[in-house]
Every structure is written in structure tokens, then in C-alpha cells.
PDB file of N, CA and C in Angstrom:
ATOM      1  N   THR A   1      72.657  50.651 202.990  1.00  0.00           N
ATOM      2  CA  THR A   1      73.311  50.202 204.204  1.00  0.00           C
ATOM      3  C   THR A   1      73.984  48.869 203.978  1.00  0.00           C
ATOM      4  N   LYS A   2      75.039  48.664 204.694  1.00  0.00           N
ATOM      5  CA  LYS A   2      75.760  47.397 204.592  1.00  0.00           C
ATOM      6  C   LYS A   2      74.974  46.307 205.301  1.00  0.00           C
ATOM      7  N   SER A   3      74.949  45.145 204.704  1.00  0.00           N
ATOM      8  CA  SER A   3      74.248  44.015 205.290  1.00  0.00           C
ATOM      9  C   SER A   3      74.875  43.654 206.627  1.00  0.00           C
ATOM     10  N   ARG A   4      74.027  43.297 207.590  1.00  0.00           N
ATOM     11  CA  ARG A   4      74.515  42.946 208.915  1.00  0.00           C
ATOM     12  C   ARG A   4      74.584  41.437 209.087  1.00  0.00           C
ATOM     13  N   VAL A   5      74.963  40.736 208.070  1.00  0.00           N
ATOM     14  CA  VAL A   5      75.013  39.276 208.102  1.00  0.00           C
ATOM     15  C   VAL A   5      76.367  38.828 208.626  1.00  0.00           C
ATOM     16  N   ASP A   6      76.361  37.861 209.544  1.00  0.00           N
ATOM     17  CA  ASP A   6      77.638  37.283 209.960  1.00  0.00           C
ATOM     18  C   ASP A   6      77.630  35.804 209.659  1.00  0.00           C
ATOM     19  N   THR A   7      78.760  35.181 209.830  1.00  0.00           N
ATOM     20  CA  THR A   7      78.892  33.782 209.428  1.00  0.00           C
ATOM     21  C   THR A   7      78.985  32.836 210.615  1.00  0.00           C
ATOM     22  N   THR A   8      78.630  33.285 211.795  1.00  0.00           N
ATOM     23  CA  THR A   8      78.717  32.412 212.960  1.00  0.00           C
ATOM     24  C   THR A   8      77.556  31.433 212.974  1.00  0.00           C
ATOM     25  N   SER A   9      77.774  30.313 213.592  1.00  0.00           N
ATOM     26  CA  SER A   9      76.712  29.326 213.728  1.00  0.00           C
ATOM     27  C   SER A   9      75.805  29.734 214.867  1.00  0.00           C
ATOM     28  N   SER A  10      74.535  29.438 214.740  1.00  0.00           N
ATOM     29  CA  SER A  10      73.590  29.767 215.794  1.00  0.00           C
ATOM     30  C   SER A  10      73.270  28.518 216.598  1.00  0.00           C
ATOM     31  N   LYS A  11      72.450  28.689 217.622  1.00  0.00           N
ATOM     32  CA  LYS A  11      72.062  27.568 218.466  1.00  0.00           C
ATOM     33  C   LYS A  11      71.255  26.533 217.705  1.00  0.00           C
ATOM     34  N   SER A  12      70.549  26.962 216.645  1.00  0.00           N
ATOM     35  CA  SER A  12      69.708  26.015 215.913  1.00  0.00           C
ATOM     36  C   SER A  12      70.508  25.139 214.960  1.00  0.00           C
ATOM     37  N   GLY A  13      71.798  25.395 214.801  1.00  0.00           N
ATOM     38  CA  GLY A  13      72.641  24.508 214.020  1.00  0.00           C
ATOM     39  C   GLY A  13      72.847  24.898 212.577  1.00  0.00           C
ATOM     40  N   TYR A  14      72.140  25.894 212.073  1.00  0.00           N
ATOM     41  CA  TYR A  14      72.387  26.286 210.688  1.00  0.00           C
ATOM     42  C   TYR A  14      73.503  27.304 210.639  1.00  0.00           C
ATOM     43  N   ARG A  15      74.060  27.441 209.477  1.00  0.00           N
ATOM     44  CA  ARG A  15      75.124  28.413 209.276  1.00  0.00           C
ATOM     45  C   ARG A  15      74.535  29.623 208.588  1.00  0.00           C
ATOM     46  N   ARG A  16      74.793  30.785 209.108  1.00  0.00           N
ATOM     47  CA  ARG A  16      74.278  32.009 208.509  1.00  0.00           C
ATOM     48  C   ARG A  16      74.956  32.273 207.177  1.00  0.00           C
ATOM     49  N   PRO A  17      74.282  33.014 206.301  1.00  0.00           N
ATOM     50  CA  PRO A  17      74.867  33.300 204.990  1.00  0.00           C
ATOM     51  C   PRO A  17      76.194  34.027 205.097  1.00  0.00           C
ATOM     52  N   ASP A  18      77.068  33.743 204.162  1.00  0.00           N
ATOM     53  CA  ASP A  18      78.375  34.374 204.094  1.00  0.00           C
ATOM     54  C   ASP A  18      78.214  35.820 203.619  1.00  0.00           C
ATOM     55  N   GLU A  19      78.695  36.742 204.409  1.00  0.00           N
ATOM     56  CA  GLU A  19      78.540  38.168 204.115  1.00  0.00           C
ATOM     57  C   GLU A  19      79.189  38.558 202.793  1.00  0.00           C
ATOM     58  N   SER A  20      80.349  37.999 202.487  1.00  0.00           N
ATOM     59  CA  SER A  20      81.034  38.391 201.260  1.00  0.00           C
ATOM     60  C   SER A  20      80.266  37.954 200.020  1.00  0.00           C
ATOM     61  N   SER A  21      79.639  36.774 200.063  1.00  0.00           N
ATOM     62  CA  SER A  21      78.885  36.340 198.886  1.00  0.00           C
ATOM     63  C   SER A  21      77.603  37.149 198.720  1.00  0.00           C
ATOM     64  N   ILE A  22      76.973  37.540 199.804  1.00  0.00           N
ATOM     65  CA  ILE A  22      75.790  38.389 199.725  1.00  0.00           C
ATOM     66  C   ILE A  22      76.182  39.762 199.194  1.00  0.00           C
ATOM     67  N   ALA A  23      77.276  40.297 199.692  1.00  0.00           N
ATOM     68  CA  ALA A  23      77.752  41.598 199.205  1.00  0.00           C
ATOM     69  C   ALA A  23      78.069  41.532 197.715  1.00  0.00           C
ATOM     70  N   ALA A  24      78.636  40.423 197.266  1.00  0.00           N
ATOM     71  CA  ALA A  24      78.939  40.263 195.838  1.00  0.00           C
ATOM     72  C   ALA A  24      77.658  40.210 195.016  1.00  0.00           C
ATOM     73  N   LEU A  25      76.639  39.510 195.511  1.00  0.00           N
ATOM     74  CA  LEU A  25      75.360  39.460 194.803  1.00  0.00           C
ATOM     75  C   LEU A  25      74.730  40.848 194.712  1.00  0.00           C
ATOM     76  N   ILE A  26      74.732  41.555 195.822  1.00  0.00           N
ATOM     77  CA  ILE A  26      74.153  42.896 195.832  1.00  0.00           C
ATOM     78  C   ILE A  26      74.953  43.819 194.914  1.00  0.00           C
ATOM     79  N   GLY A  27      76.270  43.695 194.945  1.00  0.00           N
ATOM     80  CA  GLY A  27      77.117  44.500 194.074  1.00  0.00           C
ATOM     81  C   GLY A  27      76.874  44.211 192.606  1.00  0.00           C
ATOM     82  N   SER A  28      76.589  42.958 192.278  1.00  0.00           N
ATOM     83  CA  SER A  28      76.348  42.598 190.880  1.00  0.00           C
ATOM     84  C   SER A  28      75.032  43.173 190.372  1.00  0.00           C
ATOM     85  N   ALA A  29      74.156  43.562 191.278  1.00  0.00           N
ATOM     86  CA  ALA A  29      72.864  44.115 190.875  1.00  0.00           C
ATOM     87  C   ALA A  29      73.019  45.394 190.070  1.00  0.00           C
ATOM     88  N   ALA A  30      74.100  46.120 190.279  1.00  0.00           N
ATOM     89  CA  ALA A  30      74.307  47.390 189.587  1.00  0.00           C
ATOM     90  C   ALA A  30      74.410  47.225 188.071  1.00  0.00           C
ATOM     91  N   VAL A  31      74.815  46.062 187.607  1.00  0.00           N
ATOM     92  CA  VAL A  31      74.976  45.846 186.169  1.00  0.00           C
ATOM     93  C   VAL A  31      73.875  44.954 185.586  1.00  0.00           C
ATOM     94  N   ILE A  32      72.899  44.612 186.393  1.00  0.00           N
ATOM     95  CA  ILE A  32      71.805  43.754 185.947  1.00  0.00           C
ATOM     96  C   ILE A  32      70.576  44.620 185.705  1.00  0.00           C
ATOM     97  N   PRO A  33      69.879  44.386 184.604  1.00  0.00           N
ATOM     98  CA  PRO A  33      68.661  45.160 184.331  1.00  0.00           C
ATOM     99  C   PRO A  33      67.636  45.035 185.458  1.00  0.00           C
ATOM    100  N   CYS A  34      66.789  46.047 185.607  1.00  0.00           N
ATOM    101  CA  CYS A  34      65.761  46.035 186.648  1.00  0.00           C
ATOM    102  C   CYS A  34      64.665  45.012 186.393  1.00  0.00           C
ATOM    103  N   MET A  35      64.570  44.553 185.162  1.00  0.00           N
ATOM    104  CA  MET A  35      63.552  43.565 184.808  1.00  0.00           C
ATOM    105  C   MET A  35      64.196  42.488 183.944  1.00  0.00           C
ATOM    106  N   GLY A  36      63.550  41.341 183.884  1.00  0.00           N
ATOM    107  CA  GLY A  36      63.997  40.294 182.986  1.00  0.00           C
ATOM    108  C   GLY A  36      64.627  39.113 183.689  1.00  0.00           C
ATOM    109  N   PRO A  37      65.092  38.155 182.901  1.00  0.00           N
ATOM    110  CA  PRO A  37      65.597  36.898 183.463  1.00  0.00           C
ATOM    111  C   PRO A  37      66.841  37.058 184.328  1.00  0.00           C
ATOM    112  N   GLN A  38      67.710  38.020 184.017  1.00  0.00           N
ATOM    113  CA  GLN A  38      68.905  38.207 184.849  1.00  0.00           C
ATOM    114  C   GLN A  38      68.515  38.672 186.249  1.00  0.00           C
ATOM    115  N   ARG A  39      67.544  39.574 186.328  1.00  0.00           N
ATOM    116  CA  ARG A  39      67.085  40.034 187.636  1.00  0.00           C
ATOM    117  C   ARG A  39      66.412  38.898 188.389  1.00  0.00           C
ATOM    118  N   GLN A  40      65.601  38.111 187.707  1.00  0.00           N
ATOM    119  CA  GLN A  40      64.933  36.980 188.344  1.00  0.00           C
ATOM    120  C   GLN A  40      65.952  35.992 188.908  1.00  0.00           C
ATOM    121  N   GLN A  41      67.012  35.752 188.151  1.00  0.00           N
ATOM    122  CA  GLN A  41      68.065  34.854 188.621  1.00  0.00           C
ATOM    123  C   GLN A  41      68.768  35.442 189.848  1.00  0.00           C
ATOM    124  N   LEU A  42      69.028  36.741 189.836  1.00  0.00           N
ATOM    125  CA  LEU A  42      69.662  37.400 190.977  1.00  0.00           C
ATOM    126  C   LEU A  42      68.800  37.265 192.229  1.00  0.00           C
ATOM    127  N   VAL A  43      67.514  37.536 192.098  1.00  0.00           N
ATOM    128  CA  VAL A  43      66.607  37.443 193.253  1.00  0.00           C
ATOM    129  C   VAL A  43      66.536  36.003 193.748  1.00  0.00           C
ATOM    130  N   ARG A  44      66.483  35.055 192.831  1.00  0.00           N
ATOM    131  CA  ARG A  44      66.460  33.641 193.222  1.00  0.00           C
ATOM    132  C   ARG A  44      67.714  33.277 194.009  1.00  0.00           C
ATOM    133  N   ARG A  45      68.871  33.720 193.534  1.00  0.00           N
ATOM    134  CA  ARG A  45      70.133  33.432 194.236  1.00  0.00           C
ATOM    135  C   ARG A  45      70.167  34.119 195.596  1.00  0.00           C
ATOM    136  N   LEU A  46      69.651  35.324 195.673  1.00  0.00           N
ATOM    137  CA  LEU A  46      69.608  36.050 196.939  1.00  0.00           C
ATOM    138  C   LEU A  46      68.717  35.311 197.947  1.00  0.00           C
ATOM    139  N   LYS A  47      67.559  34.862 197.498  1.00  0.00           N
ATOM    140  CA  LYS A  47      66.660  34.104 198.376  1.00  0.00           C
ATOM    141  C   LYS A  47      67.312  32.808 198.851  1.00  0.00           C
ATOM    142  N   GLU A  48      68.061  32.155 197.972  1.00  0.00           N
ATOM    143  CA  GLU A  48      68.727  30.899 198.332  1.00  0.00           C
ATOM    144  C   GLU A  48      69.714  31.088 199.480  1.00  0.00           C
ATOM    145  N   HIS A  49      70.298  32.270 199.572  1.00  0.00           N
ATOM    146  CA  HIS A  49      71.235  32.538 200.664  1.00  0.00           C
ATOM    147  C   HIS A  49      70.556  32.515 202.024  1.00  0.00           C
ATOM    148  N   PHE A  50      69.264  32.766 202.036  1.00  0.00           N
ATOM    149  CA  PHE A  50      68.548  32.865 203.303  1.00  0.00           C
ATOM    150  C   PHE A  50      67.597  31.700 203.547  1.00  0.00           C
ATOM    151  N   VAL A  51      67.644  30.675 202.719  1.00  0.00           N
ATOM    152  CA  VAL A  51      66.696  29.575 202.832  1.00  0.00           C
ATOM    153  C   VAL A  51      66.780  28.867 204.188  1.00  0.00           C
ATOM    154  N   ASP A  52      67.951  28.764 204.770  1.00  0.00           N
ATOM    155  CA  ASP A  52      68.114  28.081 206.057  1.00  0.00           C
ATOM    156  C   ASP A  52      68.076  29.021 207.256  1.00  0.00           C
ATOM    157  N   VAL A  53      67.782  30.283 207.016  1.00  0.00           N
ATOM    158  CA  VAL A  53      67.712  31.271 208.094  1.00  0.00           C
ATOM    159  C   VAL A  53      66.259  31.393 208.527  1.00  0.00           C
ATOM    160  N   ASP A  54      66.001  31.203 209.814  1.00  0.00           N
ATOM    161  CA  ASP A  54      64.616  31.320 210.269  1.00  0.00           C
ATOM    162  C   ASP A  54      64.175  32.787 210.223  1.00  0.00           C
ATOM    163  N   ASP A  55      62.875  32.997 210.257  1.00  0.00           N
ATOM    164  CA  ASP A  55      62.325  34.340 210.080  1.00  0.00           C
ATOM    165  C   ASP A  55      62.797  35.334 211.137  1.00  0.00           C
ATOM    166  N   ASP A  56      62.938  34.885 212.371  1.00  0.00           N
ATOM    167  CA  ASP A  56      63.399  35.797 213.431  1.00  0.00           C
ATOM    168  C   ASP A  56      64.813  36.299 213.147  1.00  0.00           C
ATOM    169  N   GLU A  57      65.692  35.409 212.706  1.00  0.00           N
ATOM    170  CA  GLU A  57      67.060  35.814 212.360  1.00  0.00           C
ATOM    171  C   GLU A  57      67.066  36.694 211.120  1.00  0.00           C
ATOM    172  N   LEU A  58      66.248  36.341 210.146  1.00  0.00           N
ATOM    173  CA  LEU A  58      66.190  37.114 208.908  1.00  0.00           C
ATOM    174  C   LEU A  58      65.757  38.548 209.179  1.00  0.00           C
ATOM    175  N   ARG A  59      64.793  38.722 210.064  1.00  0.00           N
ATOM    176  CA  ARG A  59      64.332  40.079 210.416  1.00  0.00           C
ATOM    177  C   ARG A  59      65.485  40.941 210.943  1.00  0.00           C
ATOM    178  N   LYS A  60      66.407  40.330 211.649  1.00  0.00           N
ATOM    179  CA  LYS A  60      67.555  41.067 212.191  1.00  0.00           C
ATOM    180  C   LYS A  60      68.536  41.463 211.097  1.00  0.00           C
ATOM    181  N   LEU A  61      68.545  40.737 209.992  1.00  0.00           N
ATOM    182  CA  LEU A  61      69.517  40.940 208.929  1.00  0.00           C
ATOM    183  C   LEU A  61      69.051  41.902 207.846  1.00  0.00           C
ATOM    184  N   LEU A  62      67.746  42.045 207.709  1.00  0.00           N
ATOM    185  CA  LEU A  62      67.213  42.862 206.620  1.00  0.00           C
ATOM    186  C   LEU A  62      67.260  44.350 206.944  1.00  0.00           C
ATOM    187  N   PRO A  63      67.383  45.175 205.901  1.00  0.00           N
ATOM    188  CA  PRO A  63      67.363  46.623 206.134  1.00  0.00           C
ATOM    189  C   PRO A  63      65.980  47.078 206.597  1.00  0.00           C
ATOM    190  N   ARG A  64      65.935  48.220 207.250  1.00  0.00           N
ATOM    191  CA  ARG A  64      64.682  48.828 207.709  1.00  0.00           C
ATOM    192  C   ARG A  64      64.374  50.005 206.795  1.00  0.00           C
ATOM    193  N   ASP A  65      63.093  50.335 206.647  1.00  0.00           N
ATOM    194  CA  ASP A  65      62.734  51.472 205.822  1.00  0.00           C
ATOM    195  C   ASP A  65      62.842  52.767 206.634  1.00  0.00           C
ATOM    196  N   ASP A  66      62.459  53.884 206.024  1.00  0.00           N
ATOM    197  CA  ASP A  66      62.582  55.193 206.675  1.00  0.00           C
ATOM    198  C   ASP A  66      61.738  55.323 207.939  1.00  0.00           C
ATOM    199  N   GLU A  67      60.715  54.490 208.050  1.00  0.00           N
ATOM    200  CA  GLU A  67      59.855  54.509 209.234  1.00  0.00           C
ATOM    201  C   GLU A  67      60.193  53.370 210.194  1.00  0.00           C
ATOM    202  N   ASP A  68      61.387  52.779 210.013  1.00  0.00           N
ATOM    203  CA  ASP A  68      61.926  51.707 210.846  1.00  0.00           C
ATOM    204  C   ASP A  68      61.099  50.418 210.792  1.00  0.00           C
ATOM    205  N   ARG A  69      60.404  50.205 209.679  1.00  0.00           N
ATOM    206  CA  ARG A  69      59.675  48.951 209.488  1.00  0.00           C
ATOM    207  C   ARG A  69      60.591  47.961 208.783  1.00  0.00           C
ATOM    208  N   GLU A  70      60.367  46.671 209.055  1.00  0.00           N
ATOM    209  CA  GLU A  70      61.167  45.653 208.378  1.00  0.00           C
ATOM    210  C   GLU A  70      60.829  45.658 206.891  1.00  0.00           C
ATOM    211  N   THR A  71      61.817  45.333 206.094  1.00  0.00           N
ATOM    212  CA  THR A  71      61.598  45.255 204.658  1.00  0.00           C
ATOM    213  C   THR A  71      61.571  43.780 204.262  1.00  0.00           C
ATOM    214  N   SER A  72      62.206  43.434 203.186  1.00  0.00           N
ATOM    215  CA  SER A  72      62.188  42.058 202.689  1.00  0.00           C
ATOM    216  C   SER A  72      63.539  41.734 202.063  1.00  0.00           C
ATOM    217  N   ILE A  73      63.688  40.511 201.630  1.00  0.00           N
ATOM    218  CA  ILE A  73      64.922  40.123 200.953  1.00  0.00           C
ATOM    219  C   ILE A  73      65.155  41.016 199.737  1.00  0.00           C
ATOM    220  N   GLY A  74      64.109  41.323 199.004  1.00  0.00           N
ATOM    221  CA  GLY A  74      64.227  42.217 197.852  1.00  0.00           C
ATOM    222  C   GLY A  74      64.695  43.601 198.240  1.00  0.00           C
ATOM    223  N   GLY A  75      64.428  44.011 199.476  1.00  0.00           N
ATOM    224  CA  GLY A  75      64.871  45.313 199.968  1.00  0.00           C
ATOM    225  C   GLY A  75      66.387  45.434 200.042  1.00  0.00           C
ATOM    226  N   LEU A  76      67.079  44.302 200.047  1.00  0.00           N
ATOM    227  CA  LEU A  76      68.541  44.336 200.042  1.00  0.00           C
ATOM    228  C   LEU A  76      69.074  44.996 198.768  1.00  0.00           C
ATOM    229  N   LEU A  77      68.276  44.974 197.705  1.00  0.00           N
ATOM    230  CA  LEU A  77      68.696  45.560 196.432  1.00  0.00           C
ATOM    231  C   LEU A  77      68.362  47.049 196.330  1.00  0.00           C
ATOM    232  N   HIS A  78      67.723  47.591 197.344  1.00  0.00           N
ATOM    233  CA  HIS A  78      67.274  48.982 197.298  1.00  0.00           C
ATOM    234  C   HIS A  78      68.422  49.960 197.061  1.00  0.00           C
ATOM    235  N   GLU A  79      69.482  49.795 197.785  1.00  0.00           N
ATOM    236  CA  GLU A  79      70.607  50.729 197.680  1.00  0.00           C
ATOM    237  C   GLU A  79      71.253  50.705 196.292  1.00  0.00           C
ATOM    238  N   SER A  80      71.183  49.563 195.616  1.00  0.00           N
ATOM    239  CA  SER A  80      71.773  49.459 194.275  1.00  0.00           C
ATOM    240  C   SER A  80      70.881  50.103 193.223  1.00  0.00           C
ATOM    241  N   GLY A  81      69.654  50.425 193.594  1.00  0.00           N
ATOM    242  CA  GLY A  81      68.719  50.990 192.638  1.00  0.00           C
ATOM    243  C   GLY A  81      68.062  49.939 191.763  1.00  0.00           C
ATOM    244  N   ARG A  82      68.284  48.671 192.057  1.00  0.00           N
ATOM    245  CA  ARG A  82      67.756  47.578 191.247  1.00  0.00           C
ATOM    246  C   ARG A  82      66.606  46.839 191.923  1.00  0.00           C
ATOM    247  N   CYS A  83      66.078  47.395 192.976  1.00  0.00           N
ATOM    248  CA  CYS A  83      64.923  46.762 193.601  1.00  0.00           C
ATOM    249  C   CYS A  83      63.676  47.123 192.787  1.00  0.00           C
ATOM    250  N   ARG A  84      62.646  46.365 192.988  1.00  0.00           N
ATOM    251  CA  ARG A  84      61.365  46.622 192.343  1.00  0.00           C
ATOM    252  C   ARG A  84      60.302  46.542 193.432  1.00  0.00           C
ATOM    253  N   PRO A  85      59.336  47.450 193.408  1.00  0.00           N
ATOM    254  CA  PRO A  85      58.297  47.400 194.446  1.00  0.00           C
ATOM    255  C   PRO A  85      57.373  46.191 194.271  1.00  0.00           C
ATOM    256  N   CYS A  86      56.929  45.662 195.367  1.00  0.00           N
ATOM    257  CA  CYS A  86      55.990  44.543 195.374  1.00  0.00           C
ATOM    258  C   CYS A  86      54.618  45.051 194.925  1.00  0.00           C
ATOM    259  N   ARG A  87      54.019  44.363 193.974  1.00  0.00           N
ATOM    260  CA  ARG A  87      52.726  44.822 193.456  1.00  0.00           C
ATOM    261  C   ARG A  87      51.639  44.791 194.524  1.00  0.00           C
ATOM    262  N   ASN A  88      51.736  43.846 195.451  1.00  0.00           N
ATOM    263  CA  ASN A  88      50.756  43.796 196.537  1.00  0.00           C
ATOM    264  C   ASN A  88      50.872  45.026 197.425  1.00  0.00           C
ATOM    265  N   MET A  89      52.096  45.389 197.745  1.00  0.00           N
ATOM    266  CA  MET A  89      52.305  46.555 198.601  1.00  0.00           C
ATOM    267  C   MET A  89      51.831  47.829 197.894  1.00  0.00           C
ATOM    268  N   LEU A  90      52.080  47.924 196.578  1.00  0.00           N
ATOM    269  CA  LEU A  90      51.620  49.087 195.812  1.00  0.00           C
ATOM    270  C   LEU A  90      50.096  49.194 195.816  1.00  0.00           C
ATOM    271  N   ALA A  91      49.431  48.040 195.860  1.00  0.00           N
ATOM    272  CA  ALA A  91      47.967  48.005 195.869  1.00  0.00           C
ATOM    273  C   ALA A  91      47.405  48.150 197.286  1.00  0.00           C
ATOM    274  N   GLY A  92      48.286  48.346 198.265  1.00  0.00           N
ATOM    275  CA  GLY A  92      47.837  48.498 199.646  1.00  0.00           C
ATOM    276  C   GLY A  92      47.452  47.190 200.300  1.00  0.00           C
ATOM    277  N   GLN A  93      47.936  46.084 199.747  1.00  0.00           N
ATOM    278  CA  GLN A  93      47.637  44.776 200.296  1.00  0.00           C
ATOM    279  C   GLN A  93      48.861  44.199 200.988  1.00  0.00           C
ATOM    280  N   VAL A  94      48.636  43.195 201.785  1.00  0.00           N
ATOM    281  CA  VAL A  94      49.737  42.513 202.459  1.00  0.00           C
ATOM    282  C   VAL A  94      50.305  41.472 201.495  1.00  0.00           C
ATOM    283  N   CYS A  95      51.603  41.442 201.381  1.00  0.00           N
ATOM    284  CA  CYS A  95      52.260  40.446 200.526  1.00  0.00           C
ATOM    285  C   CYS A  95      52.293  39.110 201.262  1.00  0.00           C
ATOM    286  N   GLY A  96      51.867  38.067 200.599  1.00  0.00           N
ATOM    287  CA  GLY A  96      51.834  36.730 201.196  1.00  0.00           C
ATOM    288  C   GLY A  96      53.216  36.164 201.470  1.00  0.00           C
ATOM    289  N   LYS A  97      54.241  36.689 200.800  1.00  0.00           N
ATOM    290  CA  LYS A  97      55.599  36.192 200.997  1.00  0.00           C
ATOM    291  C   LYS A  97      56.295  36.905 202.140  1.00  0.00           C
ATOM    292  N   GLY A  98      55.746  38.014 202.579  1.00  0.00           N
ATOM    293  CA  GLY A  98      56.296  38.744 203.721  1.00  0.00           C
ATOM    294  C   GLY A  98      57.759  39.120 203.527  1.00  0.00           C
ATOM    295  N   ILE A  99      58.577  38.846 204.530  1.00  0.00           N
ATOM    296  CA  ILE A  99      59.992  39.244 204.490  1.00  0.00           C
ATOM    297  C   ILE A  99      60.787  38.434 203.474  1.00  0.00           C
ATOM    298  N   ARG A 100      60.231  37.364 202.953  1.00  0.00           N
ATOM    299  CA  ARG A 100      60.916  36.549 201.950  1.00  0.00           C
ATOM    300  C   ARG A 100      60.563  36.954 200.520  1.00  0.00           C
ATOM    301  N   CYS A 101      59.867  38.043 200.377  1.00  0.00           N
ATOM    302  CA  CYS A 101      59.503  38.571 199.053  1.00  0.00           C
ATOM    303  C   CYS A 101      60.759  39.070 198.346  1.00  0.00           C
ATOM    304  N   GLY A 102      60.841  38.827 197.063  1.00  0.00           N
ATOM    305  CA  GLY A 102      61.986  39.275 196.270  1.00  0.00           C
ATOM    306  C   GLY A 102      61.878  40.720 195.818  1.00  0.00           C
ATOM    307  N   PHE A 103      60.793  41.371 196.211  1.00  0.00           N
ATOM    308  CA  PHE A 103      60.580  42.774 195.874  1.00  0.00           C
ATOM    309  C   PHE A 103      60.664  43.610 197.143  1.00  0.00           C
ATOM    310  N   CYS A 104      60.838  44.909 196.972  1.00  0.00           N
ATOM    311  CA  CYS A 104      60.951  45.756 198.172  1.00  0.00           C
ATOM    312  C   CYS A 104      59.622  46.399 198.502  1.00  0.00           C
TER     313      CYS A 104
END
């Protein structure tokens, strides 16, 4: 799904991430290995785009899973096939990073 990020300013004074730069990051995921330093750098850059976005706004921007549950920043890479599952979620545990996790 296409990211629902817009660039308007909110009442809290921060500027939302630029949709074109997020789309470019997600698009670049197709040529980046699923593991290794390039992927780590991609996830770090993706997280940096949302550093000034509060959690309530971020929840509105992130994709939802098949059961309409919120995903995470890492879930943005799902469509590219370059996401990686969170080890906590695989173990049936709650991830401490929540929606800011770099994994899906």
C-alpha cells in the first residue's frame, strides 16, 4: 500500500515526513539485501523520518496487517519484500519498541 504520509504541519508544530523521500527509501529497499549493513542503514534512515512524529500520528501513517492491526515502521518495507519479522513477535512476545520497531 502507498504510504499515507502528508507534508502539512500539525498543531504540535512539527513537520510531517516528506512523502516523496519516504517513497524513495521504500523503493530503494528492492535493491538492498534483506540482511546486513545496507538494510540496517535503510531502517535507520526510515526511523529518522519519523523521529519528530508523535505515536498517535505515526499510528495513522503506518500500514495495517490483514487483521487490521497496526504494524510498525519496519512494516513499511513489507510490500517491497525486504521486511524482516521481529524476533519478539515470532516468539509470541510483545516488542518493546512497539510501532517504532524496524521489523515487521
